[in-house]
């Protein structure tokens, strides 16, 4: 079974959960940031998956790998 066919509740890792949520909920809003002093900002589940993948690639490029402290 691939991550795309998992339900978010079936995920065993955080990356699996993010991919499953993106596949399940797509462009629905995942996170809304709202405060009096800043403009309202939102990100979809797909956007969250993309940002997560970008951050993971950045960490890997800097030598950070799975299981490191």
N, C-alpha and C. Protein backbone atom coordinates (compact mmCIF):
# COMPACT_ATOMS: atom_id res chain seq x y z
N UNK A 1 0.85 -1.19 0.00
CA UNK A 1 0.00 0.00 0.00
C UNK A 1 0.89 1.25 0.00
N UNK A 2 0.62 2.18 -0.89
CA UNK A 2 1.40 3.42 -0.94
C UNK A 2 0.80 4.45 0.01
N UNK A 3 1.57 5.49 0.30
CA UNK A 3 1.08 6.56 1.19
C UNK A 3 -0.17 7.21 0.64
N UNK A 4 -0.28 7.25 -0.70
CA UNK A 4 -1.42 7.92 -1.32
C UNK A 4 -2.73 7.18 -1.04
N UNK A 5 -2.67 5.87 -0.76
CA UNK A 5 -3.88 5.11 -0.49
C UNK A 5 -4.18 4.99 1.00
N UNK A 6 -3.30 5.49 1.84
CA UNK A 6 -3.52 5.47 3.29
C UNK A 6 -4.51 6.56 3.70
N UNK A 7 -5.24 6.29 4.75
CA UNK A 7 -5.97 7.36 5.42
C UNK A 7 -4.99 8.01 6.39
N UNK A 8 -5.14 9.30 6.65
CA UNK A 8 -4.22 9.94 7.60
C UNK A 8 -4.17 9.21 8.95
N UNK A 9 -5.29 8.66 9.39
CA UNK A 9 -5.31 7.97 10.68
C UNK A 9 -4.56 6.64 10.66
N UNK A 10 -4.25 6.12 9.47
CA UNK A 10 -3.52 4.85 9.34
C UNK A 10 -2.01 5.05 9.23
N UNK A 11 -1.58 6.29 9.09
CA UNK A 11 -0.16 6.58 8.89
C UNK A 11 0.65 6.18 10.11
N UNK A 12 1.84 5.69 9.84
CA UNK A 12 2.75 5.27 10.92
C UNK A 12 3.86 6.29 11.16
N UNK A 13 4.05 7.20 10.22
CA UNK A 13 5.07 8.24 10.35
C UNK A 13 4.45 9.59 10.01
N UNK A 14 5.13 10.66 10.45
CA UNK A 14 4.63 12.01 10.15
C UNK A 14 4.62 12.28 8.64
N UNK A 15 5.69 11.93 7.90
CA UNK A 15 5.63 12.14 6.45
C UNK A 15 4.48 11.38 5.78
N UNK A 16 4.22 10.15 6.21
CA UNK A 16 3.08 9.39 5.67
C UNK A 16 1.77 10.12 5.95
N UNK A 17 1.64 10.66 7.15
CA UNK A 17 0.41 11.37 7.51
C UNK A 17 0.21 12.60 6.63
N UNK A 18 1.28 13.36 6.40
CA UNK A 18 1.17 14.56 5.57
C UNK A 18 0.77 14.18 4.14
N UNK A 19 1.42 13.14 3.57
CA UNK A 19 1.09 12.71 2.21
C UNK A 19 -0.34 12.18 2.13
N UNK A 20 -0.76 11.41 3.13
CA UNK A 20 -2.11 10.86 3.14
C UNK A 20 -3.16 11.97 3.28
N UNK A 21 -2.88 12.95 4.12
CA UNK A 21 -3.81 14.07 4.28
C UNK A 21 -3.92 14.87 2.99
N UNK A 22 -2.80 15.09 2.31
CA UNK A 22 -2.83 15.81 1.03
C UNK A 22 -3.64 15.04 -0.01
N UNK A 23 -3.46 13.71 -0.05
CA UNK A 23 -4.21 12.88 -1.00
C UNK A 23 -5.70 12.85 -0.66
N UNK A 24 -6.01 12.88 0.63
CA UNK A 24 -7.41 12.79 1.07
C UNK A 24 -8.13 14.13 0.97
N UNK A 25 -7.47 15.22 1.40
CA UNK A 25 -8.15 16.51 1.53
C UNK A 25 -7.75 17.55 0.48
N UNK A 26 -6.67 17.31 -0.26
CA UNK A 26 -6.28 18.16 -1.38
C UNK A 26 -6.17 19.64 -1.07
N UNK A 27 -6.99 20.42 -1.76
CA UNK A 27 -6.93 21.88 -1.66
C UNK A 27 -7.71 22.47 -0.48
N UNK A 28 -8.28 21.62 0.36
CA UNK A 28 -8.98 22.15 1.55
C UNK A 28 -7.95 22.80 2.47
N UNK A 29 -8.39 23.77 3.25
CA UNK A 29 -7.51 24.50 4.15
C UNK A 29 -7.05 23.59 5.29
N UNK A 30 -5.73 23.51 5.47
CA UNK A 30 -5.14 22.70 6.54
C UNK A 30 -4.85 23.55 7.77
N UNK A 31 -4.32 24.74 7.54
CA UNK A 31 -3.91 25.62 8.63
C UNK A 31 -4.29 27.05 8.28
N UNK A 32 -4.84 27.77 9.25
CA UNK A 32 -5.12 29.19 9.11
C UNK A 32 -4.38 29.93 10.20
N UNK A 33 -3.63 30.94 9.81
CA UNK A 33 -2.93 31.80 10.76
C UNK A 33 -3.64 33.15 10.74
N UNK A 34 -4.12 33.54 11.91
CA UNK A 34 -4.88 34.78 11.99
C UNK A 34 -4.58 35.47 13.31
N UNK A 35 -4.23 36.72 13.23
CA UNK A 35 -3.99 37.53 14.42
C UNK A 35 -4.31 38.98 14.08
N UNK A 36 -4.49 39.78 15.10
CA UNK A 36 -4.85 41.19 14.87
C UNK A 36 -3.74 41.95 14.15
N UNK A 37 -2.49 41.61 14.42
CA UNK A 37 -1.37 42.39 13.90
C UNK A 37 -0.82 41.90 12.56
N UNK A 38 -1.37 40.78 12.03
CA UNK A 38 -0.90 40.25 10.75
C UNK A 38 -2.08 39.89 9.87
N UNK A 39 -1.86 39.90 8.55
CA UNK A 39 -2.96 39.50 7.66
C UNK A 39 -3.22 38.00 7.79
N UNK A 40 -4.45 37.60 7.56
CA UNK A 40 -4.84 36.19 7.61
C UNK A 40 -4.09 35.43 6.51
N UNK A 41 -3.56 34.26 6.84
CA UNK A 41 -2.85 33.43 5.87
C UNK A 41 -3.32 31.99 6.04
N UNK A 42 -3.45 31.28 4.92
CA UNK A 42 -3.90 29.90 4.94
C UNK A 42 -3.00 29.05 4.06
N UNK A 43 -2.97 27.74 4.35
CA UNK A 43 -2.26 26.80 3.50
C UNK A 43 -3.13 25.55 3.38
N UNK A 44 -3.18 25.01 2.18
CA UNK A 44 -3.96 23.79 1.94
C UNK A 44 -3.15 22.56 2.34
N UNK A 45 -3.80 21.42 2.34
CA UNK A 45 -3.10 20.17 2.64
C UNK A 45 -2.04 19.88 1.58
N UNK A 46 -2.33 20.17 0.32
CA UNK A 46 -1.34 19.98 -0.75
C UNK A 46 -0.18 20.96 -0.55
N UNK A 47 -0.48 22.20 -0.22
CA UNK A 47 0.56 23.19 0.05
C UNK A 47 1.43 22.79 1.22
N UNK A 48 0.81 22.23 2.25
CA UNK A 48 1.55 21.77 3.41
C UNK A 48 2.50 20.62 3.04
N UNK A 49 2.01 19.71 2.19
CA UNK A 49 2.86 18.61 1.73
C UNK A 49 4.06 19.15 0.94
N UNK A 50 3.82 20.12 0.07
CA UNK A 50 4.91 20.71 -0.72
C UNK A 50 5.94 21.41 0.17
N UNK A 51 5.46 22.18 1.14
CA UNK A 51 6.38 22.87 2.06
C UNK A 51 7.18 21.86 2.88
N UNK A 52 6.53 20.80 3.30
CA UNK A 52 7.20 19.76 4.07
C UNK A 52 8.30 19.09 3.24
N UNK A 53 7.99 18.78 1.98
CA UNK A 53 8.99 18.16 1.10
C UNK A 53 10.15 19.11 0.84
N UNK A 54 9.87 20.38 0.67
CA UNK A 54 10.92 21.37 0.46
C UNK A 54 11.83 21.47 1.68
N UNK A 55 11.24 21.47 2.86
CA UNK A 55 12.03 21.53 4.09
C UNK A 55 12.87 20.26 4.23
N UNK A 56 12.30 19.10 3.92
CA UNK A 56 13.04 17.84 4.02
C UNK A 56 14.23 17.84 3.07
N UNK A 57 14.04 18.31 1.84
CA UNK A 57 15.16 18.38 0.89
C UNK A 57 16.25 19.32 1.38
N UNK A 58 15.86 20.43 1.98
CA UNK A 58 16.83 21.36 2.54
C UNK A 58 17.64 20.75 3.67
N UNK A 59 16.97 20.01 4.53
CA UNK A 59 17.67 19.35 5.63
C UNK A 59 18.63 18.29 5.10
N UNK A 60 18.18 17.49 4.14
CA UNK A 60 19.04 16.47 3.54
C UNK A 60 20.27 17.10 2.88
N UNK A 61 20.07 18.23 2.21
CA UNK A 61 21.17 18.93 1.55
C UNK A 61 22.21 19.42 2.56
N UNK A 62 21.77 19.63 3.79
CA UNK A 62 22.69 20.10 4.84
C UNK A 62 23.24 18.94 5.68
N UNK A 63 22.97 17.71 5.24
CA UNK A 63 23.53 16.55 5.91
C UNK A 63 22.70 15.98 7.03
N UNK A 64 21.49 16.50 7.22
CA UNK A 64 20.62 15.98 8.27
C UNK A 64 19.87 14.78 7.67
N UNK A 65 19.92 13.64 8.35
CA UNK A 65 19.26 12.44 7.85
C UNK A 65 18.33 11.83 8.85
N UNK A 66 17.65 10.76 8.42
CA UNK A 66 16.72 10.02 9.25
C UNK A 66 17.39 9.55 10.53
N UNK A 67 16.72 9.73 11.66
CA UNK A 67 17.21 9.22 12.92
C UNK A 67 18.27 10.07 13.61
N UNK A 68 18.61 11.19 13.01
CA UNK A 68 19.64 12.06 13.64
C UNK A 68 19.00 12.89 14.74
N UNK A 69 19.78 13.21 15.74
CA UNK A 69 19.31 14.04 16.85
C UNK A 69 19.66 15.48 16.63
